[in-house]
Protein backbone atom coordinates (compact mmCIF):
# COMPACT_ATOMS: atom_id res chain seq x y z
CA UNK A 1 108.69 37.66 133.06
CA UNK A 2 106.58 38.85 130.08
CA UNK A 3 106.20 36.42 127.21
CA UNK A 4 106.05 38.87 124.26
CA UNK A 5 104.91 36.08 121.77
CA UNK A 6 101.88 35.41 123.94
CA UNK A 7 101.06 39.08 124.27
CA UNK A 8 101.29 39.63 120.53
CA UNK A 9 98.86 36.77 120.00
CA UNK A 10 96.36 38.66 122.23
CA UNK A 11 96.83 41.92 120.49
CA UNK A 12 93.82 43.43 118.65
CA UNK A 13 94.00 46.78 116.98
CA UNK A 14 91.82 49.52 118.39
CA UNK A 15 88.54 50.03 116.43
CA UNK A 16 88.96 53.74 116.96
CA UNK A 17 92.25 53.73 115.11
CA UNK A 18 90.64 51.74 112.28
CA UNK A 19 87.84 54.20 111.98
CA UNK A 20 90.17 57.18 112.13
CA UNK A 21 92.19 55.63 109.22
CA UNK A 22 89.27 55.01 107.09
CA UNK A 23 88.07 58.53 107.65
CA UNK A 24 91.50 60.08 106.82
CA UNK A 25 92.13 57.94 103.69
CA UNK A 26 88.61 58.35 102.34
CA UNK A 27 88.56 62.13 102.50
CA UNK A 28 89.18 64.14 99.34
CA UNK A 29 91.27 66.98 100.68
CA UNK A 30 92.68 69.70 98.36
CA UNK A 31 96.45 69.95 98.86
CA UNK A 32 99.07 72.42 97.69
CA UNK A 33 99.66 70.26 94.54
CA UNK A 34 96.04 70.30 93.57
CA UNK A 35 95.96 74.15 94.03
CA UNK A 36 99.15 74.66 91.99
CA UNK A 37 97.72 72.35 89.14
CA UNK A 38 94.56 74.51 89.14
CA UNK A 39 96.33 77.72 88.98
CA UNK A 40 98.67 76.57 86.07
CA UNK A 41 95.53 75.33 84.21
CA UNK A 42 93.73 78.56 84.74
CA UNK A 43 96.78 80.55 83.48
CA UNK A 44 97.16 78.33 80.53
CA UNK A 45 93.50 78.75 79.66
CA UNK A 46 93.85 82.50 79.84
CA UNK A 47 96.81 82.49 77.60
CA UNK A 48 95.02 80.34 75.00
CA UNK A 49 91.96 82.77 75.00
CA UNK A 50 94.32 85.70 74.43
């Protein structure tokens, strides 16, 4: 029978997963919220100039 406690002690996370996590979290990706904020900012600047 499998001893889950012993198997958990042997577990080591995959280095590939750690690398992927770091790459994903460290990217500065523009999302929809950033786009909307920029559009509103530009619209407000145009209204101030007029």
